[in-house]
PDB file of N, CA and C in Angstrom:
ATOM      1  N   MET A   1      -0.031  -2.440  24.928  1.00  0.00           N
ATOM      2  CA  MET A   1       0.169  -3.254  23.752  1.00  0.00           C
ATOM      3  C   MET A   1       0.896  -2.454  22.665  1.00  0.00           C
ATOM      4  N   ILE A   2       0.491  -1.230  22.448  1.00  0.00           N
ATOM      5  CA  ILE A   2       1.121  -0.393  21.421  1.00  0.00           C
ATOM      6  C   ILE A   2       2.566  -0.088  21.795  1.00  0.00           C
ATOM      7  N   LYS A   3       2.804   0.304  23.033  1.00  0.00           N
ATOM      8  CA  LYS A   3       4.166   0.638  23.472  1.00  0.00           C
ATOM      9  C   LYS A   3       5.082  -0.578  23.458  1.00  0.00           C
ATOM     10  N   GLU A   4       4.542  -1.763  23.692  1.00  0.00           N
ATOM     11  CA  GLU A   4       5.350  -2.973  23.645  1.00  0.00           C
ATOM     12  C   GLU A   4       5.833  -3.261  22.228  1.00  0.00           C
ATOM     13  N   ARG A   5       5.006  -2.961  21.222  1.00  0.00           N
ATOM     14  CA  ARG A   5       5.350  -3.241  19.826  1.00  0.00           C
ATOM     15  C   ARG A   5       6.168  -2.138  19.183  1.00  0.00           C
ATOM     16  N   ASP A   6       5.960  -0.875  19.628  1.00  0.00           N
ATOM     17  CA  ASP A   6       6.677   0.247  19.009  1.00  0.00           C
ATOM     18  C   ASP A   6       7.008   1.282  20.073  1.00  0.00           C
ATOM     19  N   ARG A   7       8.184   1.170  20.638  1.00  0.00           N
ATOM     20  CA  ARG A   7       8.609   2.070  21.722  1.00  0.00           C
ATOM     21  C   ARG A   7       8.932   3.481  21.234  1.00  0.00           C
ATOM     22  N   SER A   8       9.004   3.671  19.930  1.00  0.00           N
ATOM     23  CA  SER A   8       9.349   4.992  19.401  1.00  0.00           C
ATOM     24  C   SER A   8       8.176   5.974  19.428  1.00  0.00           C
ATOM     25  N   LEU A   9       6.964   5.472  19.615  1.00  0.00           N
ATOM     26  CA  LEU A   9       5.788   6.349  19.617  1.00  0.00           C
ATOM     27  C   LEU A   9       5.712   7.148  20.910  1.00  0.00           C
ATOM     28  N   ASP A  10       5.393   8.433  20.766  1.00  0.00           N
ATOM     29  CA  ASP A  10       5.267   9.269  21.958  1.00  0.00           C
ATOM     30  C   ASP A  10       3.939   8.985  22.659  1.00  0.00           C
ATOM     31  N   GLU A  11       3.866   9.353  23.922  1.00  0.00           N
ATOM     32  CA  GLU A  11       2.716   9.037  24.777  1.00  0.00           C
ATOM     33  C   GLU A  11       1.403   9.625  24.243  1.00  0.00           C
ATOM     34  N   ILE A  12       1.442  10.837  23.711  1.00  0.00           N
ATOM     35  CA  ILE A  12       0.226  11.479  23.188  1.00  0.00           C
ATOM     36  C   ILE A  12      -0.320  10.686  22.005  1.00  0.00           C
ATOM     37  N   THR A  13       0.565  10.288  21.088  1.00  0.00           N
ATOM     38  CA  THR A  13       0.139   9.505  19.926  1.00  0.00           C
ATOM     39  C   THR A  13      -0.447   8.169  20.364  1.00  0.00           C
ATOM     40  N   VAL A  14       0.184   7.527  21.329  1.00  0.00           N
ATOM     41  CA  VAL A  14      -0.316   6.249  21.834  1.00  0.00           C
ATOM     42  C   VAL A  14      -1.717   6.413  22.418  1.00  0.00           C
ATOM     43  N   LYS A  15      -1.920   7.432  23.219  1.00  0.00           N
ATOM     44  CA  LYS A  15      -3.239   7.658  23.832  1.00  0.00           C
ATOM     45  C   LYS A  15      -4.305   7.910  22.772  1.00  0.00           C
ATOM     46  N   LYS A  16      -3.956   8.686  21.739  1.00  0.00           N
ATOM     47  CA  LYS A  16      -4.907   8.952  20.659  1.00  0.00           C
ATOM     48  C   LYS A  16      -5.246   7.670  19.913  1.00  0.00           C
ATOM     49  N   LEU A  17      -4.236   6.851  19.632  1.00  0.00           N
ATOM     50  CA  LEU A  17      -4.472   5.597  18.921  1.00  0.00           C
ATOM     51  C   LEU A  17      -5.345   4.644  19.727  1.00  0.00           C
ATOM     52  N   VAL A  18      -5.101   4.550  21.020  1.00  0.00           N
ATOM     53  CA  VAL A  18      -5.914   3.684  21.877  1.00  0.00           C
ATOM     54  C   VAL A  18      -7.366   4.168  21.873  1.00  0.00           C
ATOM     55  N   ALA A  19      -7.563   5.475  21.923  1.00  0.00           N
ATOM     56  CA  ALA A  19      -8.926   6.020  21.894  1.00  0.00           C
ATOM     57  C   ALA A  19      -9.601   5.715  20.552  1.00  0.00           C
ATOM     58  N   ILE A  20      -8.864   5.881  19.464  1.00  0.00           N
ATOM     59  CA  ILE A  20      -9.415   5.601  18.138  1.00  0.00           C
ATOM     60  C   ILE A  20      -9.794   4.131  18.018  1.00  0.00           C
ATOM     61  N   CYS A  21      -8.955   3.259  18.552  1.00  0.00           N
ATOM     62  CA  CYS A  21      -9.176   1.805  18.462  1.00  0.00           C
ATOM     63  C   CYS A  21     -10.191   1.301  19.471  1.00  0.00           C
ATOM     64  N   GLY A  22     -10.582   2.122  20.400  1.00  0.00           N
ATOM     65  CA  GLY A  22     -11.544   1.705  21.415  1.00  0.00           C
ATOM     66  C   GLY A  22     -11.012   0.610  22.321  1.00  0.00           C
ATOM     67  N   GLY A  23      -9.683   0.444  22.344  1.00  0.00           N
ATOM     68  CA  GLY A  23      -9.075  -0.576  23.183  1.00  0.00           C
ATOM     69  C   GLY A  23      -9.252  -1.995  22.656  1.00  0.00           C
ATOM     70  N   ILE A  24      -9.731  -2.142  21.420  1.00  0.00           N
ATOM     71  CA  ILE A  24      -9.983  -3.460  20.842  1.00  0.00           C
ATOM     72  C   ILE A  24      -8.683  -4.018  20.259  1.00  0.00           C
ATOM     73  N   PRO A  25      -8.210  -5.145  20.776  1.00  0.00           N
ATOM     74  CA  PRO A  25      -6.906  -5.671  20.365  1.00  0.00           C
ATOM     75  C   PRO A  25      -6.730  -5.880  18.864  1.00  0.00           C
ATOM     76  N   LEU A  26      -7.732  -6.408  18.158  1.00  0.00           N
ATOM     77  CA  LEU A  26      -7.595  -6.634  16.722  1.00  0.00           C
ATOM     78  C   LEU A  26      -7.393  -5.314  15.975  1.00  0.00           C
ATOM     79  N   ILE A  27      -8.113  -4.288  16.384  1.00  0.00           N
ATOM     80  CA  ILE A  27      -7.964  -2.988  15.733  1.00  0.00           C
ATOM     81  C   ILE A  27      -6.597  -2.394  16.067  1.00  0.00           C
ATOM     82  N   ILE A  28      -6.159  -2.553  17.306  1.00  0.00           N
ATOM     83  CA  ILE A  28      -4.832  -2.064  17.698  1.00  0.00           C
ATOM     84  C   ILE A  28      -3.757  -2.757  16.866  1.00  0.00           C
ATOM     85  N   CYS A  29      -3.862  -4.060  16.688  1.00  0.00           N
ATOM     86  CA  CYS A  29      -2.879  -4.800  15.880  1.00  0.00           C
ATOM     87  C   CYS A  29      -2.912  -4.346  14.422  1.00  0.00           C
ATOM     88  N   THR A  30      -4.104  -4.075  13.915  1.00  0.00           N
ATOM     89  CA  THR A  30      -4.238  -3.586  12.546  1.00  0.00           C
ATOM     90  C   THR A  30      -3.557  -2.235  12.399  1.00  0.00           C
ATOM     91  N   VAL A  31      -3.802  -1.345  13.337  1.00  0.00           N
ATOM     92  CA  VAL A  31      -3.177  -0.014  13.307  1.00  0.00           C
ATOM     93  C   VAL A  31      -1.661  -0.144  13.394  1.00  0.00           C
ATOM     94  N   LEU A  32      -1.160  -1.016  14.257  1.00  0.00           N
ATOM     95  CA  LEU A  32       0.281  -1.213  14.369  1.00  0.00           C
ATOM     96  C   LEU A  32       0.868  -1.713  13.055  1.00  0.00           C
ATOM     97  N   SER A  33       0.152  -2.555  12.361  1.00  0.00           N
ATOM     98  CA  SER A  33       0.601  -3.054  11.068  1.00  0.00           C
ATOM     99  C   SER A  33       0.686  -1.916  10.052  1.00  0.00           C
ATOM    100  N   ILE A  34      -0.303  -1.046  10.063  1.00  0.00           N
ATOM    101  CA  ILE A  34      -0.319   0.099   9.143  1.00  0.00           C
ATOM    102  C   ILE A  34       0.818   1.056   9.471  1.00  0.00           C
ATOM    103  N   LEU A  35       1.110   1.239  10.752  1.00  0.00           N
ATOM    104  CA  LEU A  35       2.148   2.190  11.163  1.00  0.00           C
ATOM    105  C   LEU A  35       3.542   1.788  10.698  1.00  0.00           C
ATOM    106  N   LYS A  36       3.719   0.536  10.315  1.00  0.00           N
ATOM    107  CA  LYS A  36       5.014   0.113   9.776  1.00  0.00           C
ATOM    108  C   LYS A  36       5.295   0.794   8.443  1.00  0.00           C
ATOM    109  N   ARG A  37       4.229   1.257   7.778  1.00  0.00           N
ATOM    110  CA  ARG A  37       4.352   1.865   6.448  1.00  0.00           C
ATOM    111  C   ARG A  37       4.036   3.356   6.420  1.00  0.00           C
ATOM    112  N   ARG A  38       3.500   3.892   7.494  1.00  0.00           N
ATOM    113  CA  ARG A  38       3.052   5.286   7.483  1.00  0.00           C
ATOM    114  C   ARG A  38       3.603   6.061   8.676  1.00  0.00           C
ATOM    115  N   ASN A  39       3.623   7.372   8.536  1.00  0.00           N
ATOM    116  CA  ASN A  39       4.046   8.252   9.614  1.00  0.00           C
ATOM    117  C   ASN A  39       3.011   8.202  10.738  1.00  0.00           C
ATOM    118  N   PRO A  40       3.413   7.849  11.962  1.00  0.00           N
ATOM    119  CA  PRO A  40       2.442   7.692  13.059  1.00  0.00           C
ATOM    120  C   PRO A  40       1.631   8.946  13.364  1.00  0.00           C
ATOM    121  N   GLN A  41       2.277  10.101  13.427  1.00  0.00           N
ATOM    122  CA  GLN A  41       1.555  11.319  13.782  1.00  0.00           C
ATOM    123  C   GLN A  41       0.558  11.714  12.691  1.00  0.00           C
ATOM    124  N   THR A  42       0.969  11.634  11.432  1.00  0.00           N
ATOM    125  CA  THR A  42       0.083  11.982  10.323  1.00  0.00           C
ATOM    126  C   THR A  42      -1.096  11.024  10.258  1.00  0.00           C
ATOM    127  N   PHE A  43      -0.796   9.728  10.391  1.00  0.00           N
ATOM    128  CA  PHE A  43      -1.848   8.721  10.330  1.00  0.00           C
ATOM    129  C   PHE A  43      -2.821   8.871  11.498  1.00  0.00           C
ATOM    130  N   THR A  44      -2.304   9.108  12.687  1.00  0.00           N
ATOM    131  CA  THR A  44      -3.155   9.296  13.860  1.00  0.00           C
ATOM    132  C   THR A  44      -4.053  10.516  13.690  1.00  0.00           C
ATOM    133  N   HIS A  45      -3.494  11.599  13.177  1.00  0.00           N
ATOM    134  CA  HIS A  45      -4.295  12.807  12.944  1.00  0.00           C
ATOM    135  C   HIS A  45      -5.415  12.515  11.949  1.00  0.00           C
ATOM    136  N   ARG A  46      -5.084  11.807  10.866  1.00  0.00           N
ATOM    137  CA  ARG A  46      -6.105  11.484   9.869  1.00  0.00           C
ATOM    138  C   ARG A  46      -7.193  10.588  10.464  1.00  0.00           C
ATOM    139  N   LEU A  47      -6.811   9.579  11.237  1.00  0.00           N
ATOM    140  CA  LEU A  47      -7.813   8.708  11.854  1.00  0.00           C
ATOM    141  C   LEU A  47      -8.694   9.468  12.838  1.00  0.00           C
ATOM    142  N   SER A  48      -8.116  10.436  13.531  1.00  0.00           N
ATOM    143  CA  SER A  48      -8.868  11.223  14.513  1.00  0.00           C
ATOM    144  C   SER A  48      -9.985  12.025  13.864  1.00  0.00           C
ATOM    145  N   ASN A  49      -9.824  12.328  12.580  1.00  0.00           N
ATOM    146  CA  ASN A  49     -10.800  13.155  11.875  1.00  0.00           C
ATOM    147  C   ASN A  49     -11.703  12.359  10.941  1.00  0.00           C
ATOM    148  N   CYS A  50     -11.624  11.034  10.990  1.00  0.00           N
ATOM    149  CA  CYS A  50     -12.424  10.168  10.118  1.00  0.00           C
ATOM    150  C   CYS A  50     -13.834   9.978  10.665  1.00  0.00           C
ATOM    151  N   THR A  51     -14.763   9.815   9.732  1.00  0.00           N
ATOM    152  CA  THR A  51     -16.090   9.338  10.107  1.00  0.00           C
ATOM    153  C   THR A  51     -15.961   7.830  10.326  1.00  0.00           C
ATOM    154  N   PRO A  52     -16.938   7.183  10.952  1.00  0.00           N
ATOM    155  CA  PRO A  52     -16.848   5.733  11.135  1.00  0.00           C
ATOM    156  C   PRO A  52     -16.647   4.966   9.818  1.00  0.00           C
ATOM    157  N   LEU A  53     -17.317   5.378   8.753  1.00  0.00           N
ATOM    158  CA  LEU A  53     -17.173   4.706   7.465  1.00  0.00           C
ATOM    159  C   LEU A  53     -15.763   4.893   6.901  1.00  0.00           C
ATOM    160  N   GLU A  54     -15.233   6.095   7.029  1.00  0.00           N
ATOM    161  CA  GLU A  54     -13.861   6.348   6.568  1.00  0.00           C
ATOM    162  C   GLU A  54     -12.855   5.544   7.383  1.00  0.00           C
ATOM    163  N   LEU A  55     -13.116   5.412   8.669  1.00  0.00           N
ATOM    164  CA  LEU A  55     -12.230   4.638   9.537  1.00  0.00           C
ATOM    165  C   LEU A  55     -12.187   3.174   9.102  1.00  0.00           C
ATOM    166  N   ILE A  56     -13.345   2.621   8.748  1.00  0.00           N
ATOM    167  CA  ILE A  56     -13.396   1.242   8.262  1.00  0.00           C
ATOM    168  C   ILE A  56     -12.574   1.105   6.989  1.00  0.00           C
ATOM    169  N   ARG A  57     -12.670   2.077   6.095  1.00  0.00           N
ATOM    170  CA  ARG A  57     -11.886   2.033   4.857  1.00  0.00           C
ATOM    171  C   ARG A  57     -10.392   2.135   5.142  1.00  0.00           C
ATOM    172  N   GLU A  58     -10.023   3.004   6.076  1.00  0.00           N
ATOM    173  CA  GLU A  58      -8.602   3.169   6.431  1.00  0.00           C
ATOM    174  C   GLU A  58      -8.026   1.883   7.018  1.00  0.00           C
ATOM    175  N   LEU A  59      -8.839   1.162   7.771  1.00  0.00           N
ATOM    176  CA  LEU A  59      -8.390  -0.065   8.413  1.00  0.00           C
ATOM    177  C   LEU A  59      -8.840  -1.277   7.589  1.00  0.00           C
ATOM    178  N   SER A  60      -8.601  -1.191   6.294  1.00  0.00           N
ATOM    179  CA  SER A  60      -9.043  -2.227   5.363  1.00  0.00           C
ATOM    180  C   SER A  60      -8.400  -3.574   5.658  1.00  0.00           C
ATOM    181  N   SER A  61      -8.968  -4.596   5.080  1.00  0.00           N
ATOM    182  CA  SER A  61      -8.513  -5.967   5.348  1.00  0.00           C
ATOM    183  C   SER A  61      -7.085  -6.230   4.873  1.00  0.00           C
ATOM    184  N   GLU A  62      -6.557  -5.405   3.960  1.00  0.00           N
ATOM    185  CA  GLU A  62      -5.182  -5.631   3.515  1.00  0.00           C
ATOM    186  C   GLU A  62      -4.175  -5.459   4.640  1.00  0.00           C
ATOM    187  N   PHE A  63      -4.573  -4.761   5.691  1.00  0.00           N
ATOM    188  CA  PHE A  63      -3.667  -4.529   6.816  1.00  0.00           C
ATOM    189  C   PHE A  63      -3.939  -5.452   7.995  1.00  0.00           C
ATOM    190  N   LEU A  64      -4.999  -6.238   7.929  1.00  0.00           N
ATOM    191  CA  LEU A  64      -5.315  -7.110   9.060  1.00  0.00           C
ATOM    192  C   LEU A  64      -4.158  -8.074   9.310  1.00  0.00           C
ATOM    193  N   PRO A  65      -3.773  -8.227  10.560  1.00  0.00           N
ATOM    194  CA  PRO A  65      -2.665  -9.136  10.890  1.00  0.00           C
ATOM    195  C   PRO A  65      -3.021 -10.576  10.529  1.00  0.00           C
ATOM    196  N   LEU A  66      -2.026 -11.318  10.150  1.00  0.00           N
ATOM    197  CA  LEU A  66      -2.255 -12.738   9.827  1.00  0.00           C
ATOM    198  C   LEU A  66      -2.564 -13.516  11.094  1.00  0.00           C
TER     199      LEU A  66
END
């Protein structure tokens, strides 16, 4: 799903994002929406180091897909 929407992402970043999202499509879509505005590697690194509460804040409703 991630590679279909953004072919520019490298395989390592994609694998990390899928792990962070737990394979949940809504979360994956939210992350893809955020990546339109942020650097993928920096954002992925930050998400990898978040606590669950911080992760919820990072994936706030302002980024939820319509």
